[in-house]
PDB file of all heavy atoms in Angstrom:
ATOM      1  N   ASN A   1     141.481 188.867  24.040  1.00  0.00           N
ATOM      2  CA  ASN A   1     140.369 188.243  23.329  1.00  0.00           C
ATOM      3  C   ASN A   1     140.932 187.689  22.024  1.00  0.00           C
ATOM      4  O   ASN A   1     141.254 188.440  21.106  1.00  0.00           O
ATOM      5  CB  ASN A   1     139.266 189.264  23.062  1.00  0.00           C
ATOM      6  CG  ASN A   1     137.989 188.613  22.582  1.00  0.00           C
ATOM      7  OD1 ASN A   1     137.880 187.392  22.524  1.00  0.00           O
ATOM      8  ND2 ASN A   1     137.006 189.419  22.229  1.00  0.00           N
ATOM      9  N   TRP A   2     141.049 186.376  21.963  1.00  0.00           N
ATOM     10  CA  TRP A   2     141.753 185.727  20.857  1.00  0.00           C
ATOM     11  C   TRP A   2     140.965 185.828  19.550  1.00  0.00           C
ATOM     12  O   TRP A   2     139.773 185.534  19.501  1.00  0.00           O
ATOM     13  CB  TRP A   2     142.007 184.260  21.197  1.00  0.00           C
ATOM     14  CG  TRP A   2     142.739 183.504  20.129  1.00  0.00           C
ATOM     15  CD1 TRP A   2     143.781 183.951  19.388  1.00  0.00           C
ATOM     16  CD2 TRP A   2     142.483 182.169  19.701  1.00  0.00           C
ATOM     17  NE1 TRP A   2     144.207 182.985  18.522  1.00  0.00           N
ATOM     18  CE2 TRP A   2     143.431 181.874  18.687  1.00  0.00           C
ATOM     19  CE3 TRP A   2     141.574 181.192  20.079  1.00  0.00           C
ATOM     20  CZ2 TRP A   2     143.468 180.646  18.042  1.00  0.00           C
ATOM     21  CZ3 TRP A   2     141.613 179.970  19.447  1.00  0.00           C
ATOM     22  CH2 TRP A   2     142.552 179.701  18.434  1.00  0.00           C
ATOM     23  N   ALA A   3     141.660 186.272  18.487  1.00  0.00           N
ATOM     24  CA  ALA A   3     141.123 186.308  17.117  1.00  0.00           C
ATOM     25  C   ALA A   3     139.781 187.021  17.040  1.00  0.00           C
ATOM     26  O   ALA A   3     138.876 186.602  16.324  1.00  0.00           O
ATOM     27  CB  ALA A   3     141.001 184.887  16.564  1.00  0.00           C
ATOM     28  N   ALA A   4     139.662 188.133  17.772  1.00  0.00           N
ATOM     29  CA  ALA A   4     138.378 188.823  17.861  1.00  0.00           C
ATOM     30  C   ALA A   4     138.051 189.647  16.623  1.00  0.00           C
ATOM     31  O   ALA A   4     136.876 189.875  16.323  1.00  0.00           O
ATOM     32  CB  ALA A   4     138.367 189.727  19.092  1.00  0.00           C
ATOM     33  N   ASP A   5     139.068 190.115  15.903  1.00  0.00           N
ATOM     34  CA  ASP A   5     138.829 190.962  14.742  1.00  0.00           C
ATOM     35  C   ASP A   5     138.369 190.116  13.559  1.00  0.00           C
ATOM     36  O   ASP A   5     139.086 189.215  13.102  1.00  0.00           O
ATOM     37  CB  ASP A   5     140.109 191.725  14.376  1.00  0.00           C
ATOM     38  CG  ASP A   5     139.846 192.886  13.434  1.00  0.00           C
ATOM     39  OD1 ASP A   5     139.279 192.640  12.350  1.00  0.00           O
ATOM     40  OD2 ASP A   5     140.203 194.019  13.778  1.00  0.00           O
ATOM     41  N   LEU A   6     137.191 190.388  13.050  1.00  0.00           N
ATOM     42  CA  LEU A   6     136.636 189.599  11.956  1.00  0.00           C
ATOM     43  C   LEU A   6     137.361 189.829  10.633  1.00  0.00           C
ATOM     44  O   LEU A   6     137.287 188.989   9.735  1.00  0.00           O
ATOM     45  CB  LEU A   6     135.149 189.917  11.780  1.00  0.00           C
ATOM     46  CG  LEU A   6     134.222 189.543  12.938  1.00  0.00           C
ATOM     47  CD1 LEU A   6     132.787 189.925  12.591  1.00  0.00           C
ATOM     48  CD2 LEU A   6     134.310 188.068  13.271  1.00  0.00           C
ATOM     49  N   ASP A   7     138.056 190.950  10.501  1.00  0.00           N
ATOM     50  CA  ASP A   7     138.704 191.279   9.237  1.00  0.00           C
ATOM     51  C   ASP A   7     140.062 190.616   9.070  1.00  0.00           C
ATOM     52  O   ASP A   7     140.388 190.113   7.995  1.00  0.00           O
ATOM     53  CB  ASP A   7     138.847 192.798   9.108  1.00  0.00           C
ATOM     54  CG  ASP A   7     137.495 193.481   9.029  1.00  0.00           C
ATOM     55  OD1 ASP A   7     136.680 193.077   8.183  1.00  0.00           O
ATOM     56  OD2 ASP A   7     137.245 194.405   9.822  1.00  0.00           O
ATOM     57  N   ASP A   8     140.889 190.626  10.118  1.00  0.00           N
ATOM     58  CA  ASP A   8     142.223 190.040   9.987  1.00  0.00           C
ATOM     59  C   ASP A   8     142.547 189.017  11.078  1.00  0.00           C
ATOM     60  O   ASP A   8     143.662 188.523  11.144  1.00  0.00           O
ATOM     61  CB  ASP A   8     143.294 191.140   9.982  1.00  0.00           C
ATOM     62  CG  ASP A   8     143.211 192.046  11.211  1.00  0.00           C
ATOM     63  OD1 ASP A   8     142.578 191.640  12.207  1.00  0.00           O
ATOM     64  OD2 ASP A   8     143.773 193.151  11.159  1.00  0.00           O
ATOM     65  N   ARG A   9     141.570 188.736  11.956  1.00  0.00           N
ATOM     66  CA  ARG A   9     141.708 187.746  13.016  1.00  0.00           C
ATOM     67  C   ARG A   9     142.835 188.055  13.996  1.00  0.00           C
ATOM     68  O   ARG A   9     143.392 187.143  14.617  1.00  0.00           O
ATOM     69  CB  ARG A   9     141.905 186.342  12.425  1.00  0.00           C
ATOM     70  CG  ARG A   9     140.620 185.755  11.867  1.00  0.00           C
ATOM     71  CD  ARG A   9     139.540 185.716  12.936  1.00  0.00           C
ATOM     72  NE  ARG A   9     138.258 185.218  12.428  1.00  0.00           N
ATOM     73  CZ  ARG A   9     137.142 185.164  13.161  1.00  0.00           C
ATOM     74  NH1 ARG A   9     137.172 185.576  14.401  1.00  0.00           N
ATOM     75  NH2 ARG A   9     136.022 184.720  12.637  1.00  0.00           N
ATOM     76  N   LYS A  10     143.153 189.318  14.150  1.00  0.00           N
ATOM     77  CA  LYS A  10     144.095 189.703  15.191  1.00  0.00           C
ATOM     78  C   LYS A  10     143.362 189.784  16.526  1.00  0.00           C
ATOM     79  O   LYS A  10     142.166 190.063  16.575  1.00  0.00           O
ATOM     80  CB  LYS A  10     144.748 191.044  14.857  1.00  0.00           C
ATOM     81  CG  LYS A  10     145.717 190.961  13.681  1.00  0.00           C
ATOM     82  CD  LYS A  10     146.369 192.296  13.403  1.00  0.00           C
ATOM     83  CE  LYS A  10     147.357 192.193  12.244  1.00  0.00           C
ATOM     84  NZ  LYS A  10     147.977 193.495  11.918  1.00  0.00           N
ATOM     85  N   SER A  11     144.091 189.541  17.591  1.00  0.00           N
ATOM     86  CA  SER A  11     143.505 189.537  18.933  1.00  0.00           C
ATOM     87  C   SER A  11     143.573 190.930  19.556  1.00  0.00           C
ATOM     88  O   SER A  11     144.286 191.809  19.064  1.00  0.00           O
ATOM     89  CB  SER A  11     144.233 188.522  19.818  1.00  0.00           C
ATOM     90  OG  SER A  11     144.251 187.248  19.212  1.00  0.00           O
ATOM     91  N   THR A  12     142.842 191.105  20.634  1.00  0.00           N
ATOM     92  CA  THR A  12     142.820 192.373  21.356  1.00  0.00           C
ATOM     93  C   THR A  12     143.420 192.186  22.738  1.00  0.00           C
ATOM     94  O   THR A  12     143.047 191.257  23.463  1.00  0.00           O
ATOM     95  CB  THR A  12     141.387 192.894  21.501  1.00  0.00           C
ATOM     96  OG1 THR A  12     140.820 193.090  20.206  1.00  0.00           O
ATOM     97  CG2 THR A  12     141.360 194.226  22.255  1.00  0.00           C
ATOM     98  N   SER A  13     144.382 193.043  23.084  1.00  0.00           N
ATOM     99  CA  SER A  13     145.000 193.028  24.414  1.00  0.00           C
ATOM    100  C   SER A  13     144.367 194.104  25.285  1.00  0.00           C
ATOM    101  O   SER A  13     143.972 195.168  24.790  1.00  0.00           O
ATOM    102  CB  SER A  13     146.512 193.300  24.324  1.00  0.00           C
ATOM    103  OG  SER A  13     147.167 192.299  23.586  1.00  0.00           O
ATOM    104  N   GLY A  14     144.311 193.822  26.579  1.00  0.00           N
ATOM    105  CA  GLY A  14     143.810 194.828  27.510  1.00  0.00           C
ATOM    106  C   GLY A  14     144.483 194.664  28.861  1.00  0.00           C
ATOM    107  O   GLY A  14     144.764 193.543  29.290  1.00  0.00           O
ATOM    108  N   TYR A  15     144.781 195.778  29.503  1.00  0.00           N
ATOM    109  CA  TYR A  15     145.267 195.707  30.884  1.00  0.00           C
ATOM    110  C   TYR A  15     144.728 196.881  31.677  1.00  0.00           C
ATOM    111  O   TYR A  15     144.346 197.915  31.112  1.00  0.00           O
ATOM    112  CB  TYR A  15     146.801 195.659  30.958  1.00  0.00           C
ATOM    113  CG  TYR A  15     147.541 196.882  30.450  1.00  0.00           C
ATOM    114  CD1 TYR A  15     147.534 198.090  31.143  1.00  0.00           C
ATOM    115  CD2 TYR A  15     148.285 196.821  29.278  1.00  0.00           C
ATOM    116  CE1 TYR A  15     148.229 199.197  30.686  1.00  0.00           C
ATOM    117  CE2 TYR A  15     148.991 197.915  28.807  1.00  0.00           C
ATOM    118  CZ  TYR A  15     148.955 199.096  29.517  1.00  0.00           C
ATOM    119  OH  TYR A  15     149.637 200.194  29.055  1.00  0.00           O
ATOM    120  N   LEU A  16     144.672 196.688  32.993  1.00  0.00           N
ATOM    121  CA  LEU A  16     144.178 197.730  33.885  1.00  0.00           C
ATOM    122  C   LEU A  16     144.936 197.632  35.199  1.00  0.00           C
ATOM    123  O   LEU A  16     145.113 196.533  35.733  1.00  0.00           O
ATOM    124  CB  LEU A  16     142.675 197.570  34.114  1.00  0.00           C
ATOM    125  CG  LEU A  16     142.030 198.627  35.008  1.00  0.00           C
ATOM    126  CD1 LEU A  16     140.748 199.165  34.377  1.00  0.00           C
ATOM    127  CD2 LEU A  16     141.692 198.038  36.381  1.00  0.00           C
ATOM    128  N   PHE A  17     145.389 198.764  35.711  1.00  0.00           N
ATOM    129  CA  PHE A  17     146.078 198.812  37.000  1.00  0.00           C
ATOM    130  C   PHE A  17     145.248 199.640  37.974  1.00  0.00           C
ATOM    131  O   PHE A  17     144.723 200.709  37.614  1.00  0.00           O
ATOM    132  CB  PHE A  17     147.467 199.435  36.849  1.00  0.00           C
ATOM    133  CG  PHE A  17     148.461 198.525  36.179  1.00  0.00           C
ATOM    134  CD1 PHE A  17     148.491 198.404  34.797  1.00  0.00           C
ATOM    135  CD2 PHE A  17     149.355 197.774  36.926  1.00  0.00           C
ATOM    136  CE1 PHE A  17     149.382 197.555  34.168  1.00  0.00           C
ATOM    137  CE2 PHE A  17     150.264 196.927  36.302  1.00  0.00           C
ATOM    138  CZ  PHE A  17     150.280 196.813  34.926  1.00  0.00           C
ATOM    139  N   THR A  18     145.123 199.126  39.186  1.00  0.00           N
ATOM    140  CA  THR A  18     144.356 199.835  40.213  1.00  0.00           C
ATOM    141  C   THR A  18     145.258 200.182  41.390  1.00  0.00           C
ATOM    142  O   THR A  18     146.196 199.444  41.709  1.00  0.00           O
ATOM    143  CB  THR A  18     143.173 198.983  40.716  1.00  0.00           C
ATOM    144  OG1 THR A  18     143.680 197.785  41.343  1.00  0.00           O
ATOM    145  CG2 THR A  18     142.243 198.612  39.571  1.00  0.00           C
ATOM    146  N   PHE A  19     144.964 201.295  42.023  1.00  0.00           N
ATOM    147  CA  PHE A  19     145.653 201.725  43.237  1.00  0.00           C
ATOM    148  C   PHE A  19     144.605 202.307  44.168  1.00  0.00           C
ATOM    149  O   PHE A  19     143.744 203.077  43.729  1.00  0.00           O
ATOM    150  CB  PHE A  19     146.739 202.763  42.913  1.00  0.00           C
ATOM    151  CG  PHE A  19     147.554 203.164  44.108  1.00  0.00           C
ATOM    152  CD1 PHE A  19     148.422 202.254  44.701  1.00  0.00           C
ATOM    153  CD2 PHE A  19     147.452 204.427  44.651  1.00  0.00           C
ATOM    154  CE1 PHE A  19     149.176 202.615  45.803  1.00  0.00           C
ATOM    155  CE2 PHE A  19     148.203 204.799  45.750  1.00  0.00           C
ATOM    156  CZ  PHE A  19     149.074 203.890  46.336  1.00  0.00           C
ATOM    157  N   GLN A  20     144.674 201.941  45.434  1.00  0.00           N
ATOM    158  CA  GLN A  20     143.622 202.315  46.385  1.00  0.00           C
ATOM    159  C   GLN A  20     142.259 201.808  45.907  1.00  0.00           C
ATOM    160  O   GLN A  20     141.223 202.419  46.166  1.00  0.00           O
ATOM    161  CB  GLN A  20     143.573 203.844  46.573  1.00  0.00           C
ATOM    162  CG  GLN A  20     144.811 204.443  47.192  1.00  0.00           C
ATOM    163  CD  GLN A  20     144.863 204.265  48.716  1.00  0.00           C
ATOM    164  OE1 GLN A  20     143.950 203.716  49.310  1.00  0.00           O
ATOM    165  NE2 GLN A  20     145.935 204.721  49.331  1.00  0.00           N
ATOM    166  N   GLY A  21     142.283 200.687  45.165  1.00  0.00           N
ATOM    167  CA  GLY A  21     141.037 200.128  44.686  1.00  0.00           C
ATOM    168  C   GLY A  21     140.395 200.912  43.562  1.00  0.00           C
ATOM    169  O   GLY A  21     139.213 200.736  43.264  1.00  0.00           O
ATOM    170  N   ARG A  22     141.182 201.783  42.885  1.00  0.00           N
ATOM    171  CA  ARG A  22     140.658 202.602  41.797  1.00  0.00           C
ATOM    172  C   ARG A  22     141.582 202.502  40.584  1.00  0.00           C
ATOM    173  O   ARG A  22     142.799 202.367  40.721  1.00  0.00           O
ATOM    174  CB  ARG A  22     140.540 204.077  42.224  1.00  0.00           C
ATOM    175  CG  ARG A  22     139.634 204.323  43.434  1.00  0.00           C
ATOM    176  CD  ARG A  22     138.179 204.010  43.084  1.00  0.00           C
ATOM    177  NE  ARG A  22     137.255 204.389  44.129  1.00  0.00           N
ATOM    178  CZ  ARG A  22     136.833 203.570  45.086  1.00  0.00           C
ATOM    179  NH1 ARG A  22     137.295 202.330  45.135  1.00  0.00           N
ATOM    180  NH2 ARG A  22     135.961 203.977  45.993  1.00  0.00           N
ATOM    181  N   ALA A  23     141.027 202.587  39.406  1.00  0.00           N
ATOM    182  CA  ALA A  23     141.823 202.475  38.182  1.00  0.00           C
ATOM    183  C   ALA A  23     142.729 203.692  38.020  1.00  0.00           C
ATOM    184  O   ALA A  23     142.287 204.830  38.162  1.00  0.00           O
ATOM    185  CB  ALA A  23     140.896 202.355  36.978  1.00  0.00           C
ATOM    186  N   VAL A  24     144.000 203.439  37.717  1.00  0.00           N
ATOM    187  CA  VAL A  24     144.958 204.525  37.481  1.00  0.00           C
ATOM    188  C   VAL A  24     145.601 204.420  36.097  1.00  0.00           C
ATOM    189  O   VAL A  24     146.200 205.374  35.617  1.00  0.00           O
ATOM    190  CB  VAL A  24     146.058 204.553  38.566  1.00  0.00           C
ATOM    191  CG1 VAL A  24     145.482 204.935  39.915  1.00  0.00           C
ATOM    192  CG2 VAL A  24     146.783 203.209  38.652  1.00  0.00           C
ATOM    193  N   SER A  25     145.500 203.257  35.469  1.00  0.00           N
ATOM    194  CA  SER A  25     146.071 203.077  34.136  1.00  0.00           C
ATOM    195  C   SER A  25     145.310 201.966  33.431  1.00  0.00           C
ATOM    196  O   SER A  25     145.019 200.933  34.033  1.00  0.00           O
ATOM    197  CB  SER A  25     147.563 202.709  34.237  1.00  0.00           C
ATOM    198  OG  SER A  25     148.102 202.435  32.957  1.00  0.00           O
ATOM    199  N   TRP A  26     144.983 202.198  32.150  1.00  0.00           N
ATOM    200  CA  TRP A  26     144.264 201.175  31.391  1.00  0.00           C
ATOM    201  C   TRP A  26     144.601 201.298  29.911  1.00  0.00           C
ATOM    202  O   TRP A  26     144.978 202.354  29.427  1.00  0.00           O
ATOM    203  CB  TRP A  26     142.757 201.293  31.616  1.00  0.00           C
ATOM    204  CG  TRP A  26     142.189 202.666  31.362  1.00  0.00           C
ATOM    205  CD1 TRP A  26     141.734 203.179  30.176  1.00  0.00           C
ATOM    206  CD2 TRP A  26     142.012 203.710  32.325  1.00  0.00           C
ATOM    207  NE1 TRP A  26     141.286 204.466  30.329  1.00  0.00           N
ATOM    208  CE2 TRP A  26     141.446 204.824  31.648  1.00  0.00           C
ATOM    209  CE3 TRP A  26     142.275 203.825  33.697  1.00  0.00           C
ATOM    210  CZ2 TRP A  26     141.137 206.012  32.304  1.00  0.00           C
ATOM    211  CZ3 TRP A  26     141.976 205.014  34.338  1.00  0.00           C
ATOM    212  CH2 TRP A  26     141.408 206.087  33.636  1.00  0.00           C
ATOM    213  N   CYS A  27     144.453 200.186  29.203  1.00  0.00           N
ATOM    214  CA  CYS A  27     144.810 200.164  27.784  1.00  0.00           C
ATOM    215  C   CYS A  27     144.018 199.076  27.071  1.00  0.00           C
ATOM    216  O   CYS A  27     143.777 198.001  27.621  1.00  0.00           O
ATOM    217  CB  CYS A  27     146.310 199.912  27.617  1.00  0.00           C
ATOM    218  SG  CYS A  27     146.854 199.778  25.891  1.00  0.00           S
ATOM    219  N   CYS A  28     143.619 199.376  25.848  1.00  0.00           N
ATOM    220  CA  CYS A  28     142.980 198.408  24.968  1.00  0.00           C
ATOM    221  C   CYS A  28     143.628 198.582  23.603  1.00  0.00           C
ATOM    222  O   CYS A  28     143.627 199.683  23.055  1.00  0.00           O
ATOM    223  CB  CYS A  28     141.472 198.649  24.888  1.00  0.00           C
ATOM    224  SG  CYS A  28     140.630 197.704  23.596  1.00  0.00           S
ATOM    225  N   LYS A  29     144.194 197.517  23.059  1.00  0.00           N
ATOM    226  CA  LYS A  29     144.942 197.649  21.809  1.00  0.00           C
ATOM    227  C   LYS A  29     144.884 196.358  21.004  1.00  0.00           C
ATOM    228  O   LYS A  29     145.009 195.262  21.557  1.00  0.00           O
ATOM    229  CB  LYS A  29     146.398 198.009  22.109  1.00  0.00           C
ATOM    230  CG  LYS A  29     147.228 198.365  20.889  1.00  0.00           C
ATOM    231  CD  LYS A  29     148.627 198.802  21.306  1.00  0.00           C
ATOM    232  CE  LYS A  29     149.456 199.204  20.105  1.00  0.00           C
ATOM    233  NZ  LYS A  29     150.816 199.643  20.488  1.00  0.00           N
ATOM    234  N   ARG A  30     144.719 196.498  19.703  1.00  0.00           N
ATOM    235  CA  ARG A  30     144.769 195.332  18.837  1.00  0.00           C
ATOM    236  C   ARG A  30     146.216 194.884  18.699  1.00  0.00           C
ATOM    237  O   ARG A  30     147.122 195.696  18.509  1.00  0.00           O
ATOM    238  CB  ARG A  30     144.177 195.660  17.467  1.00  0.00           C
ATOM    239  CG  ARG A  30     144.076 194.455  16.550  1.00  0.00           C
ATOM    240  CD  ARG A  30     143.275 194.754  15.309  1.00  0.00           C
ATOM    241  NE  ARG A  30     143.817 195.878  14.559  1.00  0.00           N
ATOM    242  CZ  ARG A  30     143.444 196.200  13.330  1.00  0.00           C
ATOM    243  NH1 ARG A  30     142.504 195.501  12.737  1.00  0.00           N
ATOM    244  NH2 ARG A  30     143.971 197.233  12.709  1.00  0.00           N
ATOM    245  N   GLN A  31     146.449 193.586  18.775  1.00  0.00           N
ATOM    246  CA  GLN A  31     147.804 193.057  18.716  1.00  0.00           C
ATOM    247  C   GLN A  31     148.382 193.194  17.306  1.00  0.00           C
ATOM    248  O   GLN A  31     147.652 193.084  16.314  1.00  0.00           O
ATOM    249  CB  GLN A  31     147.805 191.598  19.162  1.00  0.00           C
ATOM    250  CG  GLN A  31     147.442 191.441  20.632  1.00  0.00           C
ATOM    251  CD  GLN A  31     147.427 190.000  21.106  1.00  0.00           C
ATOM    252  OE1 GLN A  31     147.645 189.069  20.333  1.00  0.00           O
ATOM    253  NE2 GLN A  31     147.181 189.818  22.386  1.00  0.00           N
ATOM    254  N   PRO A  32     149.689 193.418  17.183  1.00  0.00           N
ATOM    255  CA  PRO A  32     150.286 193.692  15.868  1.00  0.00           C
ATOM    256  C   PRO A  32     150.371 192.474  14.956  1.00  0.00           C
ATOM    257  O   PRO A  32     150.458 192.619  13.738  1.00  0.00           O
ATOM    258  CB  PRO A  32     151.689 194.197  16.227  1.00  0.00           C
ATOM    259  CG  PRO A  32     151.977 193.608  17.567  1.00  0.00           C
ATOM    260  CD  PRO A  32     150.664 193.554  18.277  1.00  0.00           C
ATOM    261  N   THR A  33     150.360 191.277  15.529  1.00  0.00           N
ATOM    262  CA  THR A  33     150.449 190.057  14.722  1.00  0.00           C
ATOM    263  C   THR A  33     149.326 189.099  15.104  1.00  0.00           C
ATOM    264  O   THR A  33     148.733 189.226  16.172  1.00  0.00           O
ATOM    265  CB  THR A  33     151.802 189.350  14.932  1.00  0.00           C
ATOM    266  OG1 THR A  33     151.963 189.054  16.337  1.00  0.00           O
ATOM    267  CG2 THR A  33     152.950 190.239  14.489  1.00  0.00           C
ATOM    268  N   VAL A  34     149.047 188.148  14.241  1.00  0.00           N
ATOM    269  CA  VAL A  34     148.000 187.166  14.500  1.00  0.00           C
ATOM    270  C   VAL A  34     148.515 186.105  15.463  1.00  0.00           C
ATOM    271  O   VAL A  34     149.571 185.498  15.226  1.00  0.00           O
ATOM    272  CB  VAL A  34     147.540 186.500  13.183  1.00  0.00           C
ATOM    273  CG1 VAL A  34     146.506 185.415  13.469  1.00  0.00           C
ATOM    274  CG2 VAL A  34     146.963 187.542  12.237  1.00  0.00           C
ATOM    275  N   ALA A  35     147.808 185.891  16.548  1.00  0.00           N
ATOM    276  CA  ALA A  35     148.178 184.850  17.508  1.00  0.00           C
ATOM    277  C   ALA A  35     147.651 183.502  17.031  1.00  0.00           C
ATOM    278  O   ALA A  35     146.511 183.394  16.579  1.00  0.00           O
ATOM    279  CB  ALA A  35     147.602 185.185  18.880  1.00  0.00           C
ATOM    280  N   LEU A  36     148.467 182.480  17.151  1.00  0.00           N
ATOM    281  CA  LEU A  36     148.095 181.158  16.673  1.00  0.00           C
ATOM    282  C   LEU A  36     147.357 180.333  17.722  1.00  0.00           C
ATOM    283  O   LEU A  36     146.923 179.217  17.431  1.00  0.00           O
ATOM    284  CB  LEU A  36     149.337 180.400  16.206  1.00  0.00           C
ATOM    285  CG  LEU A  36     150.138 181.072  15.081  1.00  0.00           C
ATOM    286  CD1 LEU A  36     151.306 180.198  14.677  1.00  0.00           C
ATOM    287  CD2 LEU A  36     149.241 181.360  13.887  1.00  0.00           C
ATOM    288  N   SER A  37     147.227 180.862  18.934  1.00  0.00           N
ATOM    289  CA  SER A  37     146.495 180.169  19.985  1.00  0.00           C
ATOM    290  C   SER A  37     146.048 181.192  21.018  1.00  0.00           C
ATOM    291  O   SER A  37     146.579 182.310  21.081  1.00  0.00           O
ATOM    292  CB  SER A  37     147.374 179.102  20.655  1.00  0.00           C
ATOM    293  OG  SER A  37     148.462 179.710  21.328  1.00  0.00           O
ATOM    294  N   SER A  38     145.090 180.801  21.833  1.00  0.00           N
ATOM    295  CA  SER A  38     144.641 181.700  22.895  1.00  0.00           C
ATOM    296  C   SER A  38     145.760 181.934  23.903  1.00  0.00           C
ATOM    297  O   SER A  38     145.882 183.021  24.476  1.00  0.00           O
ATOM    298  CB  SER A  38     143.409 181.118  23.600  1.00  0.00           C
ATOM    299  OG  SER A  38     143.700 179.851  24.167  1.00  0.00           O
ATOM    300  N   CYS A  39     146.608 180.920  24.100  1.00  0.00           N
ATOM    301  CA  CYS A  39     147.752 181.073  25.001  1.00  0.00           C
ATOM    302  C   CYS A  39     148.687 182.160  24.502  1.00  0.00           C
ATOM    303  O   CYS A  39     149.151 183.005  25.275  1.00  0.00           O
ATOM    304  CB  CYS A  39     148.484 179.744  25.125  1.00  0.00           C
ATOM    305  SG  CYS A  39     150.024 179.825  26.080  1.00  0.00           S
ATOM    306  N   GLU A  40     148.971 182.156  23.198  1.00  0.00           N
ATOM    307  CA  GLU A  40     149.860 183.175  22.639  1.00  0.00           C
ATOM    308  C   GLU A  40     149.241 184.562  22.741  1.00  0.00           C
ATOM    309  O   GLU A  40     149.929 185.542  23.056  1.00  0.00           O
ATOM    310  CB  GLU A  40     150.181 182.864  21.184  1.00  0.00           C
ATOM    311  CG  GLU A  40     151.148 183.863  20.559  1.00  0.00           C
ATOM    312  CD  GLU A  40     151.453 183.563  19.116  1.00  0.00           C
ATOM    313  OE1 GLU A  40     150.968 182.558  18.579  1.00  0.00           O
ATOM    314  OE2 GLU A  40     152.200 184.370  18.504  1.00  0.00           O
ATOM    315  N   ALA A  41     147.937 184.667  22.496  1.00  0.00           N
ATOM    316  CA  ALA A  41     147.261 185.960  22.601  1.00  0.00           C
ATOM    317  C   ALA A  41     147.356 186.498  24.027  1.00  0.00           C
ATOM    318  O   ALA A  41     147.661 187.675  24.244  1.00  0.00           O
ATOM    319  CB  ALA A  41     145.808 185.824  22.182  1.00  0.00           C
ATOM    320  N   GLU A  42     147.126 185.640  25.006  1.00  0.00           N
ATOM    321  CA  GLU A  42     147.214 186.055  26.410  1.00  0.00           C
ATOM    322  C   GLU A  42     148.651 186.408  26.776  1.00  0.00           C
ATOM    323  O   GLU A  42     148.893 187.335  27.547  1.00  0.00           O
ATOM    324  CB  GLU A  42     146.708 184.931  27.316  1.00  0.00           C
ATOM    325  CG  GLU A  42     145.233 184.608  27.172  1.00  0.00           C
ATOM    326  CD  GLU A  42     144.338 185.543  27.963  1.00  0.00           C
ATOM    327  OE1 GLU A  42     144.866 186.431  28.657  1.00  0.00           O
ATOM    328  OE2 GLU A  42     143.102 185.372  27.885  1.00  0.00           O
TER     329      GLU A  42
END
């Protein structure tokens, strides 16, 4: 989610892995640096 943080405009990363159609690993984390485009954030 590009530039989602209203305070410092850092983006949020997220990933999820599924096995047997069920989630086995997931993460949500604010990116350490400001992305200059949605492409860079992704």
